[in-house]
C-alpha atoms as a PDB file:
ATOM      1  CA  MET A   1     -17.077 -11.604 -18.451  1.00  0.00           C
ATOM      2  CA  THR A   2     -15.163 -12.183 -21.786  1.00  0.00           C
ATOM      3  CA  ASN A   3     -12.800 -15.122 -22.020  1.00  0.00           C
ATOM      4  CA  ASN A   4      -9.637 -12.790 -22.209  1.00  0.00           C
ATOM      5  CA  ASN A   5     -10.753 -11.389 -18.687  1.00  0.00           C
ATOM      6  CA  ILE A   6     -11.077 -14.915 -17.431  1.00  0.00           C
ATOM      7  CA  ILE A   7      -7.700 -15.495 -18.547  1.00  0.00           C
ATOM      8  CA  LEU A   8      -6.245 -12.414 -16.939  1.00  0.00           C
ATOM      9  CA  ILE A   9      -7.888 -13.062 -13.779  1.00  0.00           C
ATOM     10  CA  GLY A  10      -6.170 -16.522 -13.721  1.00  0.00           C
ATOM     11  CA  PHE A  11      -2.847 -14.842 -14.892  1.00  0.00           C
ATOM     12  CA  LEU A  12      -2.723 -12.072 -12.187  1.00  0.00           C
ATOM     13  CA  SER A  13      -3.730 -14.532  -9.570  1.00  0.00           C
ATOM     14  CA  PHE A  14      -0.189 -16.413 -10.099  1.00  0.00           C
ATOM     15  CA  VAL A  15       1.920 -13.894 -10.662  1.00  0.00           C
ATOM     16  CA  VAL A  16       4.149 -13.207  -7.479  1.00  0.00           C
ATOM     17  CA  VAL A  17       6.835 -10.956  -7.160  1.00  0.00           C
ATOM     18  CA  LEU A  18       9.496 -13.124  -5.245  1.00  0.00           C
ATOM     19  CA  ALA A  19      11.124 -10.708  -2.640  1.00  0.00           C
ATOM     20  CA  SER A  20      14.187 -12.038  -0.736  1.00  0.00           C
ATOM     21  CA  ALA A  21      13.686 -12.736   2.994  1.00  0.00           C
ATOM     22  CA  GLY A  22      15.811 -10.886   4.856  1.00  0.00           C
ATOM     23  CA  ASN A  23      15.992 -10.607   8.978  1.00  0.00           C
ATOM     24  CA  LEU A  24      12.827  -8.209   9.990  1.00  0.00           C
ATOM     25  CA  ASN A  25      14.753  -7.804  13.219  1.00  0.00           C
ATOM     26  CA  GLN A  26      17.618  -6.040  11.502  1.00  0.00           C
ATOM     27  CA  ASP A  27      15.147  -4.190   9.284  1.00  0.00           C
ATOM     28  CA  PHE A  28      12.421  -2.794  11.209  1.00  0.00           C
ATOM     29  CA  GLN A  29      11.978  -1.594  14.993  1.00  0.00           C
ATOM     30  CA  ILE A  30       8.598  -2.102  16.927  1.00  0.00           C
ATOM     31  CA  THR A  31       7.562   1.484  18.060  1.00  0.00           C
ATOM     32  CA  TRP A  32       4.143   1.115  19.808  1.00  0.00           C
ATOM     33  CA  GLY A  33       1.594  -1.651  21.115  1.00  0.00           C
ATOM     34  CA  ASP A  34       2.803  -2.785  24.203  1.00  0.00           C
ATOM     35  CA  GLY A  35       3.889  -6.289  23.109  1.00  0.00           C
ATOM     36  CA  ARG A  36       0.997  -6.623  20.625  1.00  0.00           C
ATOM     37  CA  ALA A  37       3.883  -6.153  17.451  1.00  0.00           C
ATOM     38  CA  LYS A  38       6.011  -9.513  17.041  1.00  0.00           C
ATOM     39  CA  ILE A  39       9.094 -10.529  15.039  1.00  0.00           C
ATOM     40  CA  LEU A  40       8.778 -14.274  14.769  1.00  0.00           C
ATOM     41  CA  ASP A  41      10.507 -17.386  13.345  1.00  0.00           C
ATOM     42  CA  GLY A  42      14.350 -15.978  13.420  1.00  0.00           C
ATOM     43  CA  GLY A  43      13.369 -12.741  11.849  1.00  0.00           C
ATOM     44  CA  ARG A  44      11.481 -13.655   9.081  1.00  0.00           C
ATOM     45  CA  LEU A  45       7.855 -13.011  10.280  1.00  0.00           C
ATOM     46  CA  LEU A  46       6.351  -9.883  11.887  1.00  0.00           C
ATOM     47  CA  THR A  47       2.901  -9.804  13.154  1.00  0.00           C
ATOM     48  CA  LEU A  48       0.928  -6.877  14.314  1.00  0.00           C
ATOM     49  CA  SER A  49      -2.150  -7.123  16.660  1.00  0.00           C
ATOM     50  CA  LEU A  50      -5.195  -5.163  17.757  1.00  0.00           C
ATOM     51  CA  ASP A  51      -7.819  -5.419  20.547  1.00  0.00           C
ATOM     52  CA  LYS A  52     -10.124  -2.813  22.114  1.00  0.00           C
ATOM     53  CA  TYR A  53      -7.030  -1.284  24.320  1.00  0.00           C
ATOM     54  CA  SER A  54      -4.560  -0.720  21.549  1.00  0.00           C
ATOM     55  CA  GLY A  55      -3.215  -1.747  17.869  1.00  0.00           C
ATOM     56  CA  SER A  56       0.384  -1.578  17.210  1.00  0.00           C
ATOM     57  CA  GLY A  57       2.772  -0.723  14.806  1.00  0.00           C
ATOM     58  CA  PHE A  58       6.657  -0.701  13.302  1.00  0.00           C
ATOM     59  CA  ARG A  59       8.953   1.130  11.432  1.00  0.00           C
ATOM     60  CA  SER A  60      12.327   0.851   9.440  1.00  0.00           C
ATOM     61  CA  ALA A  61      15.513   1.092  10.662  1.00  0.00           C
ATOM     62  CA  ASN A  62      16.892   3.090   7.491  1.00  0.00           C
ATOM     63  CA  GLN A  63      15.555   5.519   5.796  1.00  0.00           C
ATOM     64  CA  TYR A  64      15.390   5.607   1.704  1.00  0.00           C
ATOM     65  CA  LEU A  65      15.460   8.637  -1.126  1.00  0.00           C
ATOM     66  CA  PHE A  66      14.089   6.598  -3.860  1.00  0.00           C
ATOM     67  CA  ALA A  67      13.461   2.702  -3.455  1.00  0.00           C
ATOM     68  CA  LYS A  68      12.086  -0.274  -5.169  1.00  0.00           C
ATOM     69  CA  ILE A  69      10.082  -2.069  -1.922  1.00  0.00           C
ATOM     70  CA  ASP A  70       8.460  -5.404  -1.752  1.00  0.00           C
ATOM     71  CA  MET A  71       6.607  -6.463   1.535  1.00  0.00           C
ATOM     72  CA  GLN A  72       4.344  -9.594   1.295  1.00  0.00           C
ATOM     73  CA  LEU A  73       1.027  -9.220   3.694  1.00  0.00           C
ATOM     74  CA  LYS A  74      -1.655 -11.425   4.696  1.00  0.00           C
ATOM     75  CA  LEU A  75      -4.398  -9.428   6.093  1.00  0.00           C
ATOM     76  CA  VAL A  76      -7.271  -9.518   9.106  1.00  0.00           C
ATOM     77  CA  PRO A  77      -9.209 -12.893   8.323  1.00  0.00           C
ATOM     78  CA  GLY A  78     -13.001 -13.078   8.899  1.00  0.00           C
ATOM     79  CA  ASN A  79     -14.744  -9.867   9.997  1.00  0.00           C
ATOM     80  CA  SER A  80     -12.515  -7.110  10.132  1.00  0.00           C
ATOM     81  CA  ALA A  81     -14.873  -4.178  10.146  1.00  0.00           C
ATOM     82  CA  GLY A  82     -13.666  -1.226  11.782  1.00  0.00           C
ATOM     83  CA  THR A  83      -9.734  -2.071  10.895  1.00  0.00           C
ATOM     84  CA  VAL A  84      -7.076  -0.535   9.208  1.00  0.00           C
ATOM     85  CA  THR A  85      -3.733  -2.328   8.217  1.00  0.00           C
ATOM     86  CA  THR A  86      -1.164   0.210   6.732  1.00  0.00           C
ATOM     87  CA  TYR A  87       2.037  -0.122   4.983  1.00  0.00           C
ATOM     88  CA  TYR A  88       3.577   3.190   4.184  1.00  0.00           C
ATOM     89  CA  LEU A  89       6.707   5.309   3.005  1.00  0.00           C
ATOM     90  CA  SER A  90       6.798   8.887   5.066  1.00  0.00           C
ATOM     91  CA  SER A  91       9.270  11.220   5.756  1.00  0.00           C
ATOM     92  CA  GLU A  92       8.484  13.459   9.437  1.00  0.00           C
ATOM     93  CA  GLY A  93       7.287  16.952   9.882  1.00  0.00           C
ATOM     94  CA  SER A  94       3.980  18.636   9.189  1.00  0.00           C
ATOM     95  CA  ALA A  95       5.562  19.128   5.501  1.00  0.00           C
ATOM     96  CA  HIS A  96       6.067  15.353   4.984  1.00  0.00           C
ATOM     97  CA  ASP A  97       6.116  13.398   1.648  1.00  0.00           C
ATOM     98  CA  GLU A  98       4.311   9.984   2.017  1.00  0.00           C
ATOM     99  CA  ILE A  99       2.946   7.063  -0.356  1.00  0.00           C
ATOM    100  CA  ASP A 100       0.688   4.898   1.402  1.00  0.00           C
ATOM    101  CA  TYR A 101      -1.196   1.388   1.052  1.00  0.00           C
ATOM    102  CA  GLU A 102      -4.172   1.235   3.480  1.00  0.00           C
ATOM    103  CA  PHE A 103      -6.274  -1.941   3.865  1.00  0.00           C
ATOM    104  CA  LEU A 104      -9.659  -1.045   5.129  1.00  0.00           C
ATOM    105  CA  GLY A 105     -11.254  -4.149   7.058  1.00  0.00           C
ATOM    106  CA  ASN A 106     -15.052  -5.715   5.940  1.00  0.00           C
ATOM    107  CA  LEU A 107     -17.744  -7.583   7.111  1.00  0.00           C
ATOM    108  CA  SER A 108     -17.145 -11.262   6.633  1.00  0.00           C
ATOM    109  CA  GLY A 109     -17.643 -11.970   2.880  1.00  0.00           C
ATOM    110  CA  ASP A 110     -17.141  -8.775   1.700  1.00  0.00           C
ATOM    111  CA  PRO A 111     -14.232  -7.314  -0.184  1.00  0.00           C
ATOM    112  CA  TYR A 112     -11.257  -5.439   1.617  1.00  0.00           C
ATOM    113  CA  ILE A 113     -10.932  -2.160  -0.047  1.00  0.00           C
ATOM    114  CA  LEU A 114      -7.520  -1.191  -0.726  1.00  0.00           C
ATOM    115  CA  HIS A 115      -6.740   2.765  -0.274  1.00  0.00           C
ATOM    116  CA  THR A 116      -3.643   4.503  -1.853  1.00  0.00           C
ATOM    117  CA  ASN A 117      -2.612   8.199  -1.235  1.00  0.00           C
ATOM    118  CA  ILE A 118       0.441  10.317  -1.995  1.00  0.00           C
ATOM    119  CA  PHE A 119       1.470  13.013  -0.263  1.00  0.00           C
ATOM    120  CA  THR A 120       3.846  15.735  -1.326  1.00  0.00           C
ATOM    121  CA  GLN A 121       5.329  18.793   1.321  1.00  0.00           C
ATOM    122  CA  GLY A 122       2.252  17.705   3.628  1.00  0.00           C
ATOM    123  CA  LYS A 123      -0.446  17.728   0.913  1.00  0.00           C
ATOM    124  CA  GLY A 124      -2.186  14.841  -0.328  1.00  0.00           C
ATOM    125  CA  ASN A 125      -5.609  14.445  -1.403  1.00  0.00           C
ATOM    126  CA  LYS A 126      -4.890  12.260  -4.457  1.00  0.00           C
ATOM    127  CA  GLU A 127      -6.804   8.996  -3.187  1.00  0.00           C
ATOM    128  CA  GLN A 128      -7.480   6.102  -5.153  1.00  0.00           C
ATOM    129  CA  GLN A 129      -9.221   2.954  -3.977  1.00  0.00           C
ATOM    130  CA  PHE A 130      -9.481  -0.646  -5.315  1.00  0.00           C
ATOM    131  CA  TYR A 131     -11.181  -4.098  -4.756  1.00  0.00           C
ATOM    132  CA  LEU A 132      -8.594  -6.958  -5.166  1.00  0.00           C
ATOM    133  CA  TRP A 133      -8.999 -10.011  -7.202  1.00  0.00           C
ATOM    134  CA  PHE A 134      -7.907 -12.420  -4.662  1.00  0.00           C
ATOM    135  CA  ASP A 135      -8.726 -12.936  -0.700  1.00  0.00           C
ATOM    136  CA  PRO A 136      -6.024 -11.302   0.987  1.00  0.00           C
ATOM    137  CA  THR A 137      -6.360 -13.266   4.164  1.00  0.00           C
ATOM    138  CA  LYS A 138      -6.030 -16.399   2.932  1.00  0.00           C
ATOM    139  CA  ASP A 139      -2.262 -16.373   1.978  1.00  0.00           C
ATOM    140  CA  PHE A 140       0.538 -13.495   1.530  1.00  0.00           C
ATOM    141  CA  HIS A 141       0.686 -11.328  -1.591  1.00  0.00           C
ATOM    142  CA  THR A 142       3.197  -8.780  -2.765  1.00  0.00           C
ATOM    143  CA  TYR A 143       2.298  -5.123  -2.473  1.00  0.00           C
ATOM    144  CA  SER A 144       5.377  -3.369  -4.045  1.00  0.00           C
ATOM    145  CA  ILE A 145       6.160   0.495  -4.366  1.00  0.00           C
ATOM    146  CA  LEU A 146       8.645   1.641  -7.037  1.00  0.00           C
ATOM    147  CA  TRP A 147       9.750   5.096  -6.625  1.00  0.00           C
ATOM    148  CA  ASN A 148      12.154   6.744  -8.756  1.00  0.00           C
ATOM    149  CA  PRO A 149      12.736  10.223  -9.801  1.00  0.00           C
ATOM    150  CA  GLN A 150      10.461   9.490 -12.977  1.00  0.00           C
ATOM    151  CA  THR A 151       7.414   7.961 -11.375  1.00  0.00           C
ATOM    152  CA  ILE A 152       5.572   6.027  -8.526  1.00  0.00           C
ATOM    153  CA  ILE A 153       4.171   2.866  -9.274  1.00  0.00           C
ATOM    154  CA  PHE A 154       2.177   0.728  -6.921  1.00  0.00           C
ATOM    155  CA  SER A 155       1.930  -2.806  -7.849  1.00  0.00           C
ATOM    156  CA  VAL A 156       0.163  -6.211  -6.191  1.00  0.00           C
ATOM    157  CA  ASP A 157       1.737  -9.322  -6.999  1.00  0.00           C
ATOM    158  CA  GLY A 158       3.768  -7.759  -9.945  1.00  0.00           C
ATOM    159  CA  THR A 159       0.807  -6.172 -11.131  1.00  0.00           C
ATOM    160  CA  PRO A 160       0.490  -2.213 -11.691  1.00  0.00           C
ATOM    161  CA  ILE A 161      -2.406  -0.799 -10.126  1.00  0.00           C
ATOM    162  CA  ARG A 162      -1.636   2.737 -10.202  1.00  0.00           C
ATOM    163  CA  GLU A 163       1.007   5.213 -11.652  1.00  0.00           C
ATOM    164  CA  PHE A 164       1.921   8.819 -10.314  1.00  0.00           C
ATOM    165  CA  LYS A 165       4.592  10.553 -12.760  1.00  0.00           C
ATOM    166  CA  ASN A 166       6.926  13.418 -11.866  1.00  0.00           C
ATOM    167  CA  MET A 167       5.058  16.247 -13.694  1.00  0.00           C
ATOM    168  CA  GLU A 168       7.055  19.142 -12.068  1.00  0.00           C
ATOM    169  CA  SER A 169       7.534  20.486 -15.159  1.00  0.00           C
ATOM    170  CA  LYS A 170       3.956  21.210 -15.413  1.00  0.00           C
ATOM    171  CA  GLY A 171       3.575  22.563 -11.891  1.00  0.00           C
ATOM    172  CA  VAL A 172       2.636  19.536  -9.978  1.00  0.00           C
ATOM    173  CA  PRO A 173       4.670  18.491  -6.975  1.00  0.00           C
ATOM    174  CA  PHE A 174       6.604  15.458  -6.691  1.00  0.00           C
ATOM    175  CA  PRO A 175       8.082  13.408  -3.631  1.00  0.00           C
ATOM    176  CA  LYS A 176      11.904  13.670  -4.526  1.00  0.00           C
ATOM    177  CA  SER A 177      13.859  15.544  -2.063  1.00  0.00           C
ATOM    178  CA  GLN A 178      12.714  13.773   1.597  1.00  0.00           C
ATOM    179  CA  ALA A 179      13.986  10.631   2.773  1.00  0.00           C
ATOM    180  CA  MET A 180      11.668   8.541   3.959  1.00  0.00           C
ATOM    181  CA  LYS A 181      11.131   5.486   6.258  1.00  0.00           C
ATOM    182  CA  ILE A 182       9.168   2.368   6.070  1.00  0.00           C
ATOM    183  CA  TYR A 183       5.909   2.164   8.702  1.00  0.00           C
ATOM    184  CA  GLY A 184       3.310  -0.516   9.248  1.00  0.00           C
ATOM    185  CA  SER A 185       0.783  -0.414  11.588  1.00  0.00           C
ATOM    186  CA  LEU A 186      -2.860  -2.076  12.725  1.00  0.00           C
ATOM    187  CA  TRP A 187      -5.383   0.012  14.168  1.00  0.00           C
ATOM    188  CA  ASP A 188      -9.118   0.648  15.158  1.00  0.00           C
ATOM    189  CA  ALA A 189     -10.656   3.358  12.729  1.00  0.00           C
ATOM    190  CA  GLU A 190     -14.454   2.458  12.941  1.00  0.00           C
ATOM    191  CA  ASP A 191     -15.251   5.768  13.018  1.00  0.00           C
ATOM    192  CA  TRP A 192     -14.688   5.928   8.998  1.00  0.00           C
ATOM    193  CA  ALA A 193     -12.996   2.631   7.862  1.00  0.00           C
ATOM    194  CA  THR A 194     -15.914   0.719   7.152  1.00  0.00           C
ATOM    195  CA  ARG A 195     -18.647   1.998   4.825  1.00  0.00           C
ATOM    196  CA  GLY A 196     -17.871   5.656   5.994  1.00  0.00           C
ATOM    197  CA  GLY A 197     -18.333   4.536  10.001  1.00  0.00           C
ATOM    198  CA  LEU A 198     -21.701   2.484   9.345  1.00  0.00           C
ATOM    199  CA  VAL A 199     -20.187  -0.639  10.607  1.00  0.00           C
ATOM    200  CA  LYS A 200     -18.227  -0.698  13.662  1.00  0.00           C
ATOM    201  CA  THR A 201     -15.514  -3.164  15.478  1.00  0.00           C
ATOM    202  CA  ASP A 202     -16.975  -6.406  17.017  1.00  0.00           C
ATOM    203  CA  TRP A 203     -14.584  -6.722  19.765  1.00  0.00           C
ATOM    204  CA  THR A 204     -15.377 -10.573  20.154  1.00  0.00           C
ATOM    205  CA  HIS A 205     -13.438 -11.086  17.007  1.00  0.00           C
ATOM    206  CA  ALA A 206     -10.526  -9.718  18.972  1.00  0.00           C
ATOM    207  CA  PRO A 207      -7.619  -9.885  18.574  1.00  0.00           C
ATOM    208  CA  PHE A 208      -7.340  -8.916  15.238  1.00  0.00           C
ATOM    209  CA  THR A 209      -3.740  -9.885  13.353  1.00  0.00           C
ATOM    210  CA  ALA A 210      -2.040  -8.905  10.220  1.00  0.00           C
ATOM    211  CA  SER A 211       0.984 -10.899   9.366  1.00  0.00           C
ATOM    212  CA  PHE A 212       4.404  -9.015   7.364  1.00  0.00           C
ATOM    213  CA  ARG A 213       7.254 -11.156   5.494  1.00  0.00           C
ATOM    214  CA  SER A 214       9.747 -11.219   2.743  1.00  0.00           C
ATOM    215  CA  PHE A 215      10.708  -7.473   2.764  1.00  0.00           C
ATOM    216  CA  ASN A 216      13.043  -6.428   0.019  1.00  0.00           C
ATOM    217  CA  ALA A 217      14.358  -2.996  -0.856  1.00  0.00           C
ATOM    218  CA  LYS A 218      16.412  -2.038  -3.887  1.00  0.00           C
ATOM    219  CA  THR A 219      18.214   1.617  -2.752  1.00  0.00           C
ATOM    220  CA  GLY A 220      20.088   3.938  -4.999  1.00  0.00           C
ATOM    221  CA  GLY A 221      23.644   4.437  -4.444  1.00  0.00           C
ATOM    222  CA  GLY A 222      24.741   0.726  -3.532  1.00  0.00           C
ATOM    223  CA  GLY A 223      25.902  -1.941  -5.886  1.00  0.00           C
ATOM    224  CA  GLY A 224      23.888  -4.181  -7.830  1.00  0.00           C
ATOM    225  CA  ASP A 225      21.205  -3.647 -10.669  1.00  0.00           C
ATOM    226  CA  GLN A 226      20.522  -0.143 -10.565  1.00  0.00           C
ATOM    227  CA  SER A 227      18.193  -0.327 -13.433  1.00  0.00           C
ATOM    228  CA  TRP A 228      15.071   0.259 -11.377  1.00  0.00           C
ATOM    229  CA  LEU A 229      16.126   4.242 -10.999  1.00  0.00           C
ATOM    230  CA  LYS A 230      15.254   4.502 -14.510  1.00  0.00           C
ATOM    231  CA  GLU A 231      12.208   2.241 -14.843  1.00  0.00           C
ATOM    232  CA  SER A 232       8.842   3.068 -16.262  1.00  0.00           C
ATOM    233  CA  LEU A 233       5.733   1.163 -17.278  1.00  0.00           C
ATOM    234  CA  ASP A 234       6.125  -0.523 -20.466  1.00  0.00           C
ATOM    235  CA  SER A 235       3.178  -1.332 -23.174  1.00  0.00           C
ATOM    236  CA  THR A 236       2.303  -4.479 -21.209  1.00  0.00           C
ATOM    237  CA  GLY A 237       2.190  -2.575 -17.631  1.00  0.00           C
ATOM    238  CA  GLN A 238       0.134   0.130 -19.228  1.00  0.00           C
ATOM    239  CA  ALA A 239      -2.288  -2.249 -20.538  1.00  0.00           C
ATOM    240  CA  ARG A 240      -2.291  -4.045 -17.199  1.00  0.00           C
ATOM    241  CA  ILE A 241      -2.890  -0.606 -15.250  1.00  0.00           C
ATOM    242  CA  LYS A 242      -5.615   0.215 -17.454  1.00  0.00           C
ATOM    243  CA  TRP A 243      -7.559  -3.419 -17.077  1.00  0.00           C
ATOM    244  CA  VAL A 244      -7.159  -3.545 -13.353  1.00  0.00           C
ATOM    245  CA  GLN A 245      -8.463   0.316 -13.098  1.00  0.00           C
ATOM    246  CA  LYS A 246     -11.146  -0.448 -15.377  1.00  0.00           C
ATOM    247  CA  ASN A 247     -12.505  -3.457 -13.583  1.00  0.00           C
ATOM    248  CA  TYR A 248     -11.309  -2.882  -9.833  1.00  0.00           C
ATOM    249  CA  MET A 249     -11.100   0.691  -9.061  1.00  0.00           C
ATOM    250  CA  ILE A 250     -13.954   2.230  -6.940  1.00  0.00           C
ATOM    251  CA  TYR A 251     -12.842   5.421  -6.063  1.00  0.00           C
ATOM    252  CA  ASN A 252     -10.491   8.041  -8.316  1.00  0.00           C
ATOM    253  CA  TYR A 253      -9.858  11.632  -6.729  1.00  0.00           C
ATOM    254  CA  CYS A 254      -9.801  12.695 -10.743  1.00  0.00           C
ATOM    255  CA  ALA A 255     -13.210  11.580 -10.975  1.00  0.00           C
ATOM    256  CA  ASP A 256     -14.865  13.491  -7.897  1.00  0.00           C
ATOM    257  CA  ALA A 257     -16.503  16.333  -9.476  1.00  0.00           C
ATOM    258  CA  LYS A 258     -18.241  17.379  -6.162  1.00  0.00           C
ATOM    259  CA  ARG A 259     -14.801  17.419  -4.142  1.00  0.00           C
ATOM    260  CA  PHE A 260     -13.430  19.837  -6.486  1.00  0.00           C
ATOM    261  CA  PRO A 261     -15.833  21.990  -7.563  1.00  0.00           C
ATOM    262  CA  GLN A 262     -13.524  24.551  -8.772  1.00  0.00           C
ATOM    263  CA  GLY A 263     -11.967  22.407 -11.139  1.00  0.00           C
ATOM    264  CA  PHE A 264      -9.825  19.127 -10.933  1.00  0.00           C
ATOM    265  CA  PRO A 265      -6.000  18.796  -9.859  1.00  0.00           C
ATOM    266  CA  PRO A 266      -3.913  19.943 -12.682  1.00  0.00           C
ATOM    267  CA  GLU A 267      -2.740  15.960 -13.233  1.00  0.00           C
ATOM    268  CA  CYS A 268      -5.916  14.964 -13.797  1.00  0.00           C
ATOM    269  CA  SER A 269      -5.813  16.269 -17.086  1.00  0.00           C
ATOM    270  CA  LEU A 270      -2.138  15.398 -17.708  1.00  0.00           C
END
C-alpha cells in the first residue's frame, strides 16, 4: 500500500457529513415488527431488531421527488451472518422506482458487504457491491443519497462510492417521475445474504439490532439552499469515487460478462 493510499484511508475515516438531528417520531412510522422497532431518546434514535420469529421495519411519513438525504447507521455487531439491514428509497407498484442500500451481514471478523442497486419502472439489475474501509458496527456512519434530475450519487461519510447519471438521451431509463418514500428494515435472508446462503443465521446471537439516527433531507420546492438540485461530482469527487471503486468494489454488474451474454446494458459503455 502506498503512502498516498494510507493518507487517503485516514482522510476517509474522519470525513463525516453532518446531518441535522430531527425528530424521528415525526419523520418516520414503524410499519412492522410487533414491537421490535422502537423510536427512543426523545425521537433521536430508531432501532430495529430481528429474532427467529420476525424482523422489523419503518418508512418515512413524507415522500420525495428528488432529494438529498443523509442517515446515520450503526449495523448489527458480532456474528451477523444471514441478516440484512436496508435503507432505501422506493415508490409503490410493480413499475416502481428504487434506490437501494443493503448491508449484508457476516461472520465475526469478516467485512460487511454494502450492496447498492437502482430500479427504474420496476427494472433493476444494476448492482454494485463494496467492502467498507471501517467497521460499520463500532460507531455511526453517514450514508447519503443525492437524487436530482441529473444524477444519483451514493456517498459514505461524504465520500462518493457510486454515481448513476441521467442518460435518457442515450436510451437509458432514469427515475424522475415517481415520488418515493424512505424505508428501513432488518430481516433474515440466510438463504442468500452471506456467501450466497452458505452461512446461516446463528440465532443464539439474537436479538440482532441495528440503529438509525441523524436523519436529514433536503427537498425541492422549499426554501433554503437548493444548489443540490444541480449538484454533480467535481474533479475531487470523481477521483475519490475511482479510488473507492478500485480498492473496495467487489462486484459490478457492468463487468459480469456471464450475466449478460448478449451484451452489457447500454449505460455500461457510456
